[in-house]
PDB file of N, CA and C in Angstrom:
ATOM      1  N   MET A   1       6.137  78.152-107.282  1.00  0.00           N
ATOM      2  CA  MET A   1       7.347  77.356-107.138  1.00  0.00           C
ATOM      3  C   MET A   1       8.221  77.452-108.396  1.00  0.00           C
ATOM      4  N   ILE A   2       7.578  77.542-109.540  1.00  0.00           N
ATOM      5  CA  ILE A   2       8.318  77.658-110.796  1.00  0.00           C
ATOM      6  C   ILE A   2       9.137  78.948-110.802  1.00  0.00           C
ATOM      7  N   ASP A   3       8.555  80.031-110.304  1.00  0.00           N
ATOM      8  CA  ASP A   3       9.275  81.307-110.256  1.00  0.00           C
ATOM      9  C   ASP A   3      10.491  81.215-109.340  1.00  0.00           C
ATOM     10  N   PHE A   4      10.363  80.520-108.228  1.00  0.00           N
ATOM     11  CA  PHE A   4      11.471  80.376-107.296  1.00  0.00           C
ATOM     12  C   PHE A   4      12.620  79.598-107.933  1.00  0.00           C
ATOM     13  N   VAL A   5      12.293  78.505-108.588  1.00  0.00           N
ATOM     14  CA  VAL A   5      13.324  77.689-109.233  1.00  0.00           C
ATOM     15  C   VAL A   5      13.979  78.478-110.371  1.00  0.00           C
ATOM     16  N   THR A   6      13.193  79.235-111.120  1.00  0.00           N
ATOM     17  CA  THR A   6      13.737  80.073-112.181  1.00  0.00           C
ATOM     18  C   THR A   6      14.690  81.120-111.611  1.00  0.00           C
ATOM     19  N   ALA A   7      14.280  81.783-110.537  1.00  0.00           N
ATOM     20  CA  ALA A   7      15.132  82.789-109.906  1.00  0.00           C
ATOM     21  C   ALA A   7      16.418  82.163-109.384  1.00  0.00           C
ATOM     22  N   LEU A   8      16.318  81.008-108.778  1.00  0.00           N
ATOM     23  CA  LEU A   8      17.504  80.314-108.272  1.00  0.00           C
ATOM     24  C   LEU A   8      18.441  79.949-109.424  1.00  0.00           C
ATOM     25  N   GLY A   9      17.889  79.506-110.522  1.00  0.00           N
ATOM     26  CA  GLY A   9      18.705  79.199-111.693  1.00  0.00           C
ATOM     27  C   GLY A   9      19.418  80.428-112.220  1.00  0.00           C
ATOM     28  N   LEU A  10      18.731  81.569-112.238  1.00  0.00           N
ATOM     29  CA  LEU A  10      19.360  82.809-112.696  1.00  0.00           C
ATOM     30  C   LEU A  10      20.483  83.247-111.760  1.00  0.00           C
ATOM     31  N   VAL A  11      20.326  83.015-110.479  1.00  0.00           N
ATOM     32  CA  VAL A  11      21.400  83.331-109.530  1.00  0.00           C
ATOM     33  C   VAL A  11      22.640  82.510-109.872  1.00  0.00           C
ATOM     34  N   PHE A  12      22.446  81.218-110.154  1.00  0.00           N
ATOM     35  CA  PHE A  12      23.585  80.377-110.512  1.00  0.00           C
ATOM     36  C   PHE A  12      24.227  80.814-111.830  1.00  0.00           C
ATOM     37  N   VAL A  13      23.414  81.237-112.783  1.00  0.00           N
ATOM     38  CA  VAL A  13      23.958  81.726-114.056  1.00  0.00           C
ATOM     39  C   VAL A  13      24.819  82.961-113.822  1.00  0.00           C
ATOM     40  N   ILE A  14      24.303  83.917-113.074  1.00  0.00           N
ATOM     41  CA  ILE A  14      25.048  85.153-112.815  1.00  0.00           C
ATOM     42  C   ILE A  14      26.324  84.863-112.035  1.00  0.00           C
ATOM     43  N   GLU A  15      26.231  84.044-111.006  1.00  0.00           N
ATOM     44  CA  GLU A  15      27.421  83.687-110.228  1.00  0.00           C
ATOM     45  C   GLU A  15      28.445  82.994-111.116  1.00  0.00           C
ATOM     46  N   GLY A  16      27.998  82.078-111.932  1.00  0.00           N
ATOM     47  CA  GLY A  16      28.909  81.355-112.809  1.00  0.00           C
ATOM     48  C   GLY A  16      29.605  82.271-113.796  1.00  0.00           C
ATOM     49  N   LEU A  17      28.874  83.245-114.337  1.00  0.00           N
ATOM     50  CA  LEU A  17      29.478  84.188-115.275  1.00  0.00           C
ATOM     51  C   LEU A  17      30.544  85.043-114.600  1.00  0.00           C
ATOM     52  N   VAL A  18      30.302  85.435-113.365  1.00  0.00           N
ATOM     53  CA  VAL A  18      31.296  86.232-112.629  1.00  0.00           C
ATOM     54  C   VAL A  18      32.565  85.414-112.434  1.00  0.00           C
ATOM     55  N   TYR A  19      32.427  84.154-111.990  1.00  0.00           N
ATOM     56  CA  TYR A  19      33.601  83.305-111.793  1.00  0.00           C
ATOM     57  C   TYR A  19      34.320  83.037-113.106  1.00  0.00           C
ATOM     58  N   ALA A  20      33.578  82.906-114.207  1.00  0.00           N
ATOM     59  CA  ALA A  20      34.193  82.579-115.490  1.00  0.00           C
ATOM     60  C   ALA A  20      34.903  83.762-116.126  1.00  0.00           C
ATOM     61  N   PHE A  21      34.328  84.959-116.040  1.00  0.00           N
ATOM     62  CA  PHE A  21      34.864  86.089-116.794  1.00  0.00           C
ATOM     63  C   PHE A  21      35.789  87.010-116.019  1.00  0.00           C
ATOM     64  N   VAL A  22      35.611  87.130-114.717  1.00  0.00           N
ATOM     65  CA  VAL A  22      36.458  88.049-113.944  1.00  0.00           C
ATOM     66  C   VAL A  22      36.923  87.413-112.621  1.00  0.00           C
ATOM     67  N   PRO A  23      37.609  86.279-112.685  1.00  0.00           N
ATOM     68  CA  PRO A  23      38.011  85.631-111.431  1.00  0.00           C
ATOM     69  C   PRO A  23      38.998  86.456-110.614  1.00  0.00           C
ATOM     70  N   GLY A  24      39.894  87.188-111.278  1.00  0.00           N
ATOM     71  CA  GLY A  24      40.858  88.014-110.541  1.00  0.00           C
ATOM     72  C   GLY A  24      40.174  89.133-109.782  1.00  0.00           C
ATOM     73  N   HIS A  25      39.202  89.775-110.421  1.00  0.00           N
ATOM     74  CA  HIS A  25      38.459  90.851-109.765  1.00  0.00           C
ATOM     75  C   HIS A  25      37.650  90.294-108.602  1.00  0.00           C
ATOM     76  N   LEU A  26      37.093  89.105-108.775  1.00  0.00           N
ATOM     77  CA  LEU A  26      36.317  88.471-107.709  1.00  0.00           C
ATOM     78  C   LEU A  26      37.193  88.220-106.486  1.00  0.00           C
ATOM     79  N   LYS A  27      38.420  87.771-106.703  1.00  0.00           N
ATOM     80  CA  LYS A  27      39.336  87.553-105.582  1.00  0.00           C
ATOM     81  C   LYS A  27      39.628  88.862-104.851  1.00  0.00           C
ATOM     82  N   ALA A  28      39.780  89.948-105.606  1.00  0.00           N
ATOM     83  CA  ALA A  28      40.037  91.248-104.984  1.00  0.00           C
ATOM     84  C   ALA A  28      38.839  91.706-104.160  1.00  0.00           C
ATOM     85  N   VAL A  29      37.646  91.472-104.673  1.00  0.00           N
ATOM     86  CA  VAL A  29      36.428  91.846-103.939  1.00  0.00           C
ATOM     87  C   VAL A  29      36.314  91.031-102.661  1.00  0.00           C
ATOM     88  N   ILE A  30      36.622  89.740-102.737  1.00  0.00           N
ATOM     89  CA  ILE A  30      36.552  88.893-101.541  1.00  0.00           C
ATOM     90  C   ILE A  30      37.584  89.354-100.503  1.00  0.00           C
ATOM     91  N   ALA A  31      38.772  89.719-100.943  1.00  0.00           N
ATOM     92  CA  ALA A  31      39.787  90.229-100.012  1.00  0.00           C
ATOM     93  C   ALA A  31      39.313  91.519 -99.363  1.00  0.00           C
ATOM     94  N   LEU A  32      38.666  92.382-100.137  1.00  0.00           N
ATOM     95  CA  LEU A  32      38.134  93.621 -99.582  1.00  0.00           C
ATOM     96  C   LEU A  32      37.026  93.336 -98.566  1.00  0.00           C
ATOM     97  N   MET A  33      36.204  92.345 -98.855  1.00  0.00           N
ATOM     98  CA  MET A  33      35.125  91.993 -97.935  1.00  0.00           C
ATOM     99  C   MET A  33      35.666  91.482 -96.603  1.00  0.00           C
ATOM    100  N   GLN A  34      36.812  90.795 -96.647  1.00  0.00           N
ATOM    101  CA  GLN A  34      37.391  90.281 -95.402  1.00  0.00           C
ATOM    102  C   GLN A  34      37.829  91.400 -94.472  1.00  0.00           C
ATOM    103  N   SER A  35      38.168  92.552 -95.027  1.00  0.00           N
ATOM    104  CA  SER A  35      38.595  93.663 -94.187  1.00  0.00           C
ATOM    105  C   SER A  35      37.434  94.581 -93.806  1.00  0.00           C
ATOM    106  N   THR A  36      36.228  94.264 -94.278  1.00  0.00           N
ATOM    107  CA  THR A  36      35.042  95.066 -93.969  1.00  0.00           C
ATOM    108  C   THR A  36      34.356  94.489 -92.733  1.00  0.00           C
ATOM    109  N   SER A  37      33.838  95.364 -91.884  1.00  0.00           N
ATOM    110  CA  SER A  37      33.198  94.895 -90.648  1.00  0.00           C
ATOM    111  C   SER A  37      31.920  94.113 -90.955  1.00  0.00           C
ATOM    112  N   ASN A  38      31.586  93.243 -90.036  1.00  0.00           N
ATOM    113  CA  ASN A  38      30.376  92.434 -90.193  1.00  0.00           C
ATOM    114  C   ASN A  38      29.122  93.297 -90.269  1.00  0.00           C
ATOM    115  N   ASP A  39      29.105  94.373 -89.503  1.00  0.00           N
ATOM    116  CA  ASP A  39      27.929  95.250 -89.514  1.00  0.00           C
ATOM    117  C   ASP A  39      27.716  95.882 -90.880  1.00  0.00           C
ATOM    118  N   ARG A  40      28.794  96.320 -91.525  1.00  0.00           N
ATOM    119  CA  ARG A  40      28.667  96.924 -92.864  1.00  0.00           C
ATOM    120  C   ARG A  40      28.235  95.889 -93.898  1.00  0.00           C
ATOM    121  N   LEU A  41      28.786  94.677 -93.800  1.00  0.00           N
ATOM    122  CA  LEU A  41      28.370  93.611 -94.714  1.00  0.00           C
ATOM    123  C   LEU A  41      26.897  93.252 -94.512  1.00  0.00           C
ATOM    124  N   ARG A  42      26.489  93.186 -93.255  1.00  0.00           N
ATOM    125  CA  ARG A  42      25.098  92.870 -92.948  1.00  0.00           C
ATOM    126  C   ARG A  42      24.162  93.943 -93.499  1.00  0.00           C
ATOM    127  N   LEU A  43      24.530  95.217 -93.308  1.00  0.00           N
ATOM    128  CA  LEU A  43      23.725  96.313 -93.823  1.00  0.00           C
ATOM    129  C   LEU A  43      23.653  96.253 -95.354  1.00  0.00           C
ATOM    130  N   GLY A  44      24.775  95.998 -95.991  1.00  0.00           N
ATOM    131  CA  GLY A  44      24.782  95.872 -97.447  1.00  0.00           C
ATOM    132  C   GLY A  44      23.894  94.735 -97.923  1.00  0.00           C
ATOM    133  N   GLY A  45      23.912  93.621 -97.212  1.00  0.00           N
ATOM    134  CA  GLY A  45      23.052  92.492 -97.563  1.00  0.00           C
ATOM    135  C   GLY A  45      21.584  92.820 -97.400  1.00  0.00           C
ATOM    136  N   LEU A  46      21.241  93.516 -96.326  1.00  0.00           N
ATOM    137  CA  LEU A  46      19.846  93.901 -96.104  1.00  0.00           C
ATOM    138  C   LEU A  46      19.362  94.894 -97.158  1.00  0.00           C
ATOM    139  N   VAL A  47      20.222  95.826 -97.529  1.00  0.00           N
ATOM    140  CA  VAL A  47      19.865  96.798 -98.571  1.00  0.00           C
ATOM    141  C   VAL A  47      19.666  96.073 -99.900  1.00  0.00           C
ATOM    142  N   ALA A  48      20.556  95.148-100.230  1.00  0.00           N
ATOM    143  CA  ALA A  48      20.430  94.390-101.475  1.00  0.00           C
ATOM    144  C   ALA A  48      19.154  93.552-101.484  1.00  0.00           C
ATOM    145  N   ALA A  49      18.830  92.919-100.358  1.00  0.00           N
ATOM    146  CA  ALA A  49      17.612  92.116-100.278  1.00  0.00           C
ATOM    147  C   ALA A  49      16.369  92.994-100.428  1.00  0.00           C
ATOM    148  N   ALA A  50      16.364  94.152 -99.781  1.00  0.00           N
ATOM    149  CA  ALA A  50      15.223  95.064 -99.897  1.00  0.00           C
ATOM    150  C   ALA A  50      15.074  95.561-101.338  1.00  0.00           C
ATOM    151  N   PHE A  51      16.199  95.870-101.983  1.00  0.00           N
ATOM    152  CA  PHE A  51      16.157  96.293-103.385  1.00  0.00           C
ATOM    153  C   PHE A  51      15.606  95.168-104.264  1.00  0.00           C
ATOM    154  N   GLY A  52      16.002  93.942-103.989  1.00  0.00           N
ATOM    155  CA  GLY A  52      15.497  92.800-104.745  1.00  0.00           C
ATOM    156  C   GLY A  52      14.000  92.624-104.581  1.00  0.00           C
ATOM    157  N   VAL A  53      13.517  92.759-103.364  1.00  0.00           N
ATOM    158  CA  VAL A  53      12.070  92.652-103.120  1.00  0.00           C
ATOM    159  C   VAL A  53      11.332  93.763-103.857  1.00  0.00           C
ATOM    160  N   ALA A  54      11.854  94.984-103.798  1.00  0.00           N
ATOM    161  CA  ALA A  54      11.219  96.108-104.500  1.00  0.00           C
ATOM    162  C   ALA A  54      11.230  95.888-106.010  1.00  0.00           C
ATOM    163  N   LEU A  55      12.305  95.347-106.531  1.00  0.00           N
ATOM    164  CA  LEU A  55      12.395  95.083-107.966  1.00  0.00           C
ATOM    165  C   LEU A  55      11.391  94.025-108.408  1.00  0.00           C
ATOM    166  N   VAL A  56      11.254  92.973-107.627  1.00  0.00           N
ATOM    167  CA  VAL A  56      10.263  91.936-107.945  1.00  0.00           C
ATOM    168  C   VAL A  56       8.853  92.511-107.854  1.00  0.00           C
ATOM    169  N   TRP A  57       8.580  93.294-106.824  1.00  0.00           N
ATOM    170  CA  TRP A  57       7.258  93.910-106.704  1.00  0.00           C
ATOM    171  C   TRP A  57       6.978  94.806-107.901  1.00  0.00           C
ATOM    172  N   PHE A  58       7.955  95.628-108.292  1.00  0.00           N
ATOM    173  CA  PHE A  58       7.793  96.525-109.428  1.00  0.00           C
ATOM    174  C   PHE A  58       7.524  95.726-110.716  1.00  0.00           C
ATOM    175  N   ALA A  59       8.295  94.681-110.918  1.00  0.00           N
ATOM    176  CA  ALA A  59       8.119  93.884-112.129  1.00  0.00           C
ATOM    177  C   ALA A  59       6.749  93.223-112.184  1.00  0.00           C
ATOM    178  N   ARG A  60       6.274  92.743-111.053  1.00  0.00           N
ATOM    179  CA  ARG A  60       4.975  92.057-111.025  1.00  0.00           C
ATOM    180  C   ARG A  60       3.811  93.033-111.060  1.00  0.00           C
ATOM    181  N   SER A  61       3.939  94.146-110.367  1.00  0.00           N
ATOM    182  CA  SER A  61       2.825  95.088-110.254  1.00  0.00           C
ATOM    183  C   SER A  61       2.724  96.036-111.445  1.00  0.00           C
ATOM    184  N   VAL A  62       3.821  96.629-111.809  1.00  0.00           N
ATOM    185  CA  VAL A  62       3.803  97.675-112.827  1.00  0.00           C
ATOM    186  C   VAL A  62       4.008  97.075-114.221  1.00  0.00           C
ATOM    187  N   LEU A  63       5.032  96.277-114.370  1.00  0.00           N
ATOM    188  CA  LEU A  63       5.366  95.730-115.681  1.00  0.00           C
ATOM    189  C   LEU A  63       4.501  94.530-116.057  1.00  0.00           C
ATOM    190  N   GLY A  64       3.989  93.838-115.056  1.00  0.00           N
ATOM    191  CA  GLY A  64       3.196  92.635-115.302  1.00  0.00           C
ATOM    192  C   GLY A  64       1.782  92.917-115.786  1.00  0.00           C
ATOM    193  N   SER A  65       1.337  94.137-115.657  1.00  0.00           N
ATOM    194  CA  SER A  65      -0.037  94.475-116.037  1.00  0.00           C
ATOM    195  C   SER A  65      -0.203  94.612-117.527  1.00  0.00           C
TER     196      SER A  65
END
């Protein structure tokens, strides 16, 4: 549970830094996302989630030893 809360906190830190340092670029990305199809966004989300799972596995299995 501690790892989950830590990961959630890091997500908020990263999100906050994006909003604080590049708000104009973030608005442009959001506008671009609105013109992207739902299927492409869904695929991108699934790829990102799979990459995240692989990264956590790598960190715990290979780097954690």
